[in-house]
Amino acid sequence: MTPLILHFLLACASESPDTGPCADPTVTWESFGQSFLITHCQGCHASTSPQRYGAPVGISFDTQEQAAALQSAIERTVLDQVSMPPAGGLNDDERALLEQWLDCGI
């Protein structure tokens, strides 16, 4: 191996890890997603909710798998259209954490 190639390989190996928003996955289902959905969504979007207030049957967030299957709908209605939750109530920090969770942790 030529010294130049060896130098390149050693330099790449010593680079610091990614420092982007997903580098430290602290916003997970367990640390954020589950409690967020319970607080802001499951009043209408739980399979056991006695009053769904017009929420479509089949759009439930009881499990991480259900949330993951509806990730694009969550992103569209909560972050883009800001139509959910219908009563509002999300602050900037919650919106940022939700975006990070959808991008990295769902």
C-alpha atoms as a PDB file:
ATOM      1  CA  MET A   1       0.000   0.000   0.000  1.00  0.00           C
ATOM      2  CA  THR A   2       1.366   3.373  -0.928  1.00  0.00           C
ATOM      3  CA  PRO A   3       1.999   5.883   1.848  1.00  0.00           C
ATOM      4  CA  LEU A   4      -0.582   8.260   0.350  1.00  0.00           C
ATOM      5  CA  ILE A   5      -3.369   5.654   0.465  1.00  0.00           C
ATOM      6  CA  LEU A   6      -2.346   4.594   3.976  1.00  0.00           C
ATOM      7  CA  HIS A   7      -2.396   8.239   5.105  1.00  0.00           C
ATOM      8  CA  PHE A   8      -5.879   8.700   3.582  1.00  0.00           C
ATOM      9  CA  LEU A   9      -7.240   5.579   5.301  1.00  0.00           C
ATOM     10  CA  LEU A  10      -5.820   6.604   8.668  1.00  0.00           C
ATOM     11  CA  ALA A  11      -7.237  10.113   8.303  1.00  0.00           C
ATOM     12  CA  CYS A  12     -10.703   8.766   7.521  1.00  0.00           C
ATOM     13  CA  ALA A  13     -10.575   6.363  10.438  1.00  0.00           C
ATOM     14  CA  SER A  14      -9.728   9.145  12.871  1.00  0.00           C
ATOM     15  CA  GLU A  15     -12.482  11.552  11.790  1.00  0.00           C
ATOM     16  CA  SER A  16     -14.986  12.393  14.460  1.00  0.00           C
ATOM     17  CA  PRO A  17     -18.409  10.731  14.254  1.00  0.00           C
ATOM     18  CA  ASP A  18     -21.376  12.500  12.702  1.00  0.00           C
ATOM     19  CA  THR A  19     -22.557  15.386  14.834  1.00  0.00           C
ATOM     20  CA  GLY A  20     -25.882  15.868  13.045  1.00  0.00           C
ATOM     21  CA  PRO A  21     -29.269  15.706  14.763  1.00  0.00           C
ATOM     22  CA  CYS A  22     -29.330  11.883  14.629  1.00  0.00           C
ATOM     23  CA  ALA A  23     -25.808  11.319  15.931  1.00  0.00           C
ATOM     24  CA  ASP A  24     -27.002  10.968  19.524  1.00  0.00           C
ATOM     25  CA  PRO A  25     -30.368   9.204  19.348  1.00  0.00           C
ATOM     26  CA  THR A  26     -31.781  10.458  22.645  1.00  0.00           C
ATOM     27  CA  VAL A  27     -35.177  11.264  21.144  1.00  0.00           C
ATOM     28  CA  THR A  28     -36.628   7.776  20.901  1.00  0.00           C
ATOM     29  CA  TRP A  29     -39.993   6.043  21.241  1.00  0.00           C
ATOM     30  CA  GLU A  30     -39.224   5.382  24.903  1.00  0.00           C
ATOM     31  CA  SER A  31     -37.886   8.829  25.778  1.00  0.00           C
ATOM     32  CA  PHE A  32     -40.239  10.958  23.699  1.00  0.00           C
ATOM     33  CA  GLY A  33     -42.543   9.413  21.099  1.00  0.00           C
ATOM     34  CA  GLN A  34     -44.750   7.292  23.316  1.00  0.00           C
ATOM     35  CA  SER A  35     -45.436  10.014  25.884  1.00  0.00           C
ATOM     36  CA  PHE A  36     -45.916  12.635  23.139  1.00  0.00           C
ATOM     37  CA  LEU A  37     -48.556  10.507  21.417  1.00  0.00           C
ATOM     38  CA  ILE A  38     -50.300   9.716  24.708  1.00  0.00           C
ATOM     39  CA  THR A  39     -50.432  13.397  25.641  1.00  0.00           C
ATOM     40  CA  HIS A  40     -51.264  14.976  22.295  1.00  0.00           C
ATOM     41  CA  CYS A  41     -52.813  12.294  20.087  1.00  0.00           C
ATOM     42  CA  GLN A  42     -54.331   9.339  21.872  1.00  0.00           C
ATOM     43  CA  GLY A  43     -57.296  11.268  23.217  1.00  0.00           C
ATOM     44  CA  CYS A  44     -58.762  10.769  19.728  1.00  0.00           C
ATOM     45  CA  HIS A  45     -56.288   8.375  18.088  1.00  0.00           C
ATOM     46  CA  ALA A  46     -56.225   5.397  20.466  1.00  0.00           C
ATOM     47  CA  SER A  47     -57.954   2.156  19.577  1.00  0.00           C
ATOM     48  CA  THR A  48     -59.564   2.162  23.028  1.00  0.00           C
ATOM     49  CA  SER A  49     -60.626   5.817  23.002  1.00  0.00           C
ATOM     50  CA  PRO A  50     -64.312   5.990  23.971  1.00  0.00           C
ATOM     51  CA  GLN A  51     -64.810   9.206  21.971  1.00  0.00           C
ATOM     52  CA  ARG A  52     -62.676   9.690  18.850  1.00  0.00           C
ATOM     53  CA  TYR A  53     -64.123  13.139  18.046  1.00  0.00           C
ATOM     54  CA  GLY A  54     -64.234  12.325  14.345  1.00  0.00           C
ATOM     55  CA  ALA A  55     -60.807  10.708  14.098  1.00  0.00           C
ATOM     56  CA  PRO A  56     -60.906   8.056  11.379  1.00  0.00           C
ATOM     57  CA  VAL A  57     -61.176   4.460  12.540  1.00  0.00           C
ATOM     58  CA  GLY A  58     -57.854   2.759  11.908  1.00  0.00           C
ATOM     59  CA  ILE A  59     -55.771   5.867  12.566  1.00  0.00           C
ATOM     60  CA  SER A  60     -54.492   4.924  16.005  1.00  0.00           C
ATOM     61  CA  PHE A  61     -51.177   5.524  17.709  1.00  0.00           C
ATOM     62  CA  ASP A  62     -51.167   2.720  20.268  1.00  0.00           C
ATOM     63  CA  THR A  63     -47.787   1.295  19.238  1.00  0.00           C
ATOM     64  CA  GLN A  64     -44.509   2.422  17.765  1.00  0.00           C
ATOM     65  CA  GLU A  65     -45.281   0.350  14.674  1.00  0.00           C
ATOM     66  CA  GLN A  66     -48.571   2.189  14.110  1.00  0.00           C
ATOM     67  CA  ALA A  67     -46.822   5.544  14.502  1.00  0.00           C
ATOM     68  CA  ALA A  68     -44.059   4.511  12.105  1.00  0.00           C
ATOM     69  CA  ALA A  69     -46.614   3.406   9.502  1.00  0.00           C
ATOM     70  CA  LEU A  70     -48.231   6.853   9.731  1.00  0.00           C
ATOM     71  CA  GLN A  71     -45.006   8.856   9.971  1.00  0.00           C
ATOM     72  CA  SER A  72     -45.630  10.913   6.833  1.00  0.00           C
ATOM     73  CA  ALA A  73     -49.194  11.721   7.959  1.00  0.00           C
ATOM     74  CA  ILE A  74     -47.920  12.857  11.363  1.00  0.00           C
ATOM     75  CA  GLU A  75     -45.288  15.024   9.719  1.00  0.00           C
ATOM     76  CA  ARG A  76     -47.794  16.517   7.266  1.00  0.00           C
ATOM     77  CA  THR A  77     -50.620  17.241   9.732  1.00  0.00           C
ATOM     78  CA  VAL A  78     -48.583  18.283  12.773  1.00  0.00           C
ATOM     79  CA  LEU A  79     -45.495  19.958  11.335  1.00  0.00           C
ATOM     80  CA  ASP A  80     -46.469  21.129   7.843  1.00  0.00           C
ATOM     81  CA  GLN A  81     -50.191  21.907   7.976  1.00  0.00           C
ATOM     82  CA  VAL A  82     -50.259  22.498  11.757  1.00  0.00           C
ATOM     83  CA  SER A  83     -53.797  21.057  11.812  1.00  0.00           C
ATOM     84  CA  MET A  84     -53.094  18.522  14.567  1.00  0.00           C
ATOM     85  CA  PRO A  85     -53.609  18.434  17.409  1.00  0.00           C
ATOM     86  CA  PRO A  86     -56.812  20.358  16.645  1.00  0.00           C
ATOM     87  CA  ALA A  87     -56.683  22.259  19.936  1.00  0.00           C
ATOM     88  CA  GLY A  88     -53.078  23.285  19.247  1.00  0.00           C
ATOM     89  CA  GLY A  89     -50.923  23.372  22.305  1.00  0.00           C
ATOM     90  CA  LEU A  90     -47.524  22.364  20.912  1.00  0.00           C
ATOM     91  CA  ASN A  91     -44.717  24.691  21.832  1.00  0.00           C
ATOM     92  CA  ASP A  92     -41.589  25.217  19.734  1.00  0.00           C
ATOM     93  CA  ASP A  93     -39.553  22.740  21.809  1.00  0.00           C
ATOM     94  CA  GLU A  94     -42.153  19.998  21.373  1.00  0.00           C
ATOM     95  CA  ARG A  95     -42.336  20.650  17.640  1.00  0.00           C
ATOM     96  CA  ALA A  96     -38.524  20.459  17.358  1.00  0.00           C
ATOM     97  CA  LEU A  97     -38.410  17.220  19.356  1.00  0.00           C
ATOM     98  CA  LEU A  98     -41.211  15.747  17.259  1.00  0.00           C
ATOM     99  CA  GLU A  99     -39.364  16.623  14.072  1.00  0.00           C
ATOM    100  CA  GLN A 100     -36.167  15.047  15.416  1.00  0.00           C
ATOM    101  CA  TRP A 101     -38.054  11.922  16.507  1.00  0.00           C
ATOM    102  CA  LEU A 102     -39.702  11.557  13.111  1.00  0.00           C
ATOM    103  CA  ASP A 103     -36.373  12.060  11.330  1.00  0.00           C
ATOM    104  CA  CYS A 104     -34.245   9.896  13.615  1.00  0.00           C
ATOM    105  CA  GLY A 105     -36.037   7.840  16.208  1.00  0.00           C
ATOM    106  CA  ILE A 106     -39.361   6.535  15.033  1.00  0.00           C
END
